Amino acid sequence: MDILLLLKALILGLVEGFTEFLPISSTGHLILAGDLLGFNNERGKLFEIVIQSGAILAVCWEYRSRLWGVAKGLPGEKSARQFVINLVIAFLPLAVLGLAFGKAIKAHLFQPIPVALAFILGALVIIWAEKRTHRIRIQSVDEMRAMDALKMGLAQAFALIPGTSRSGSTIIGGLLFGLSRKAATEFSFFLAIPTLIVATLYELYKERALLNLDDLGMWGMGFISAFVSAFVCVRWLLRYIASHDFTLFAWYRIAFGLVVIATWQWGLVDWTQP
């Protein structure tokens, strides 16, 4: 196995894991890292799909007790059934809109200026949301009802816009809809499980012709590094939000938006490749 290829896989896995669950857009960071590493070809795109599963597994492992409790309680516990129903409801808006408009979005919005604007406008929304007075109605995920889940799902659907951030739109949407910071963040984690699993399986099916057993070593390296970095990131974020807001991420998004413009202007990164 090519050592340089393994190193690229390690780096991209770390980028995926550290950015997937933060409100800073993993897609934007993977485009930048992949292009700078010369790994934004079709093989690289398939690799990015594969390593998402490492990030998903990290969340499943972190919340394994909760997920196992829900699985065991489904037959007879109302709270377990409501939890699953909420996830299904919240998942549907992104799934439906993605199927309807996914191709058009990839064709027209994966351009440097729209991506940069999404980063910067998203940052301004975060700053505005954090300056508002928070009226908390829901302290924990268990208090959510179907309408709360639908609102969170609609917020997540904004992530179809490149550079918006799935976790960012979901978490900030949760804050605007009356969820506590912890409840919004945790529901974003839980919602990532069906969302990323379905997206990964769908993309793998579409790109099945590119699957090659020779790439197993590269996939394994990326999977492991994505799992470890995502696990660290999820635990860190839960501690961070206990005493901080999301304003720091807003300023980072503005800086990254400027990076998008600069790298495009100087011809360093091809931001037109979804």
Foldseek 3Di string as FASTA:
>chain_A
DDPLLLVLLLVLLLLLQQAQQAQFASPLVSQQSCLLSVNLDPLSVLLNLLQVVLLLVLLCVVCVVVVVVLVVCVVPDPLSVQLVLLLVLLQPVLVVVCVVCVVVLLQPQLALVNLLCLLQVLLVLQVVLVPDDFQADAEALSPDGNVLSNQLSVQLNVPSRHNNHNNSSNQSSNRVVRYDNLRSSSVSSVSCNVNSVVVSVVVCVVVVVSDDPVCVSSSVSSSNSSNVSNNVNSVVVSVQSVPDGSNVSSVVSNVVSVVSVVCVVVVSGDSSHD
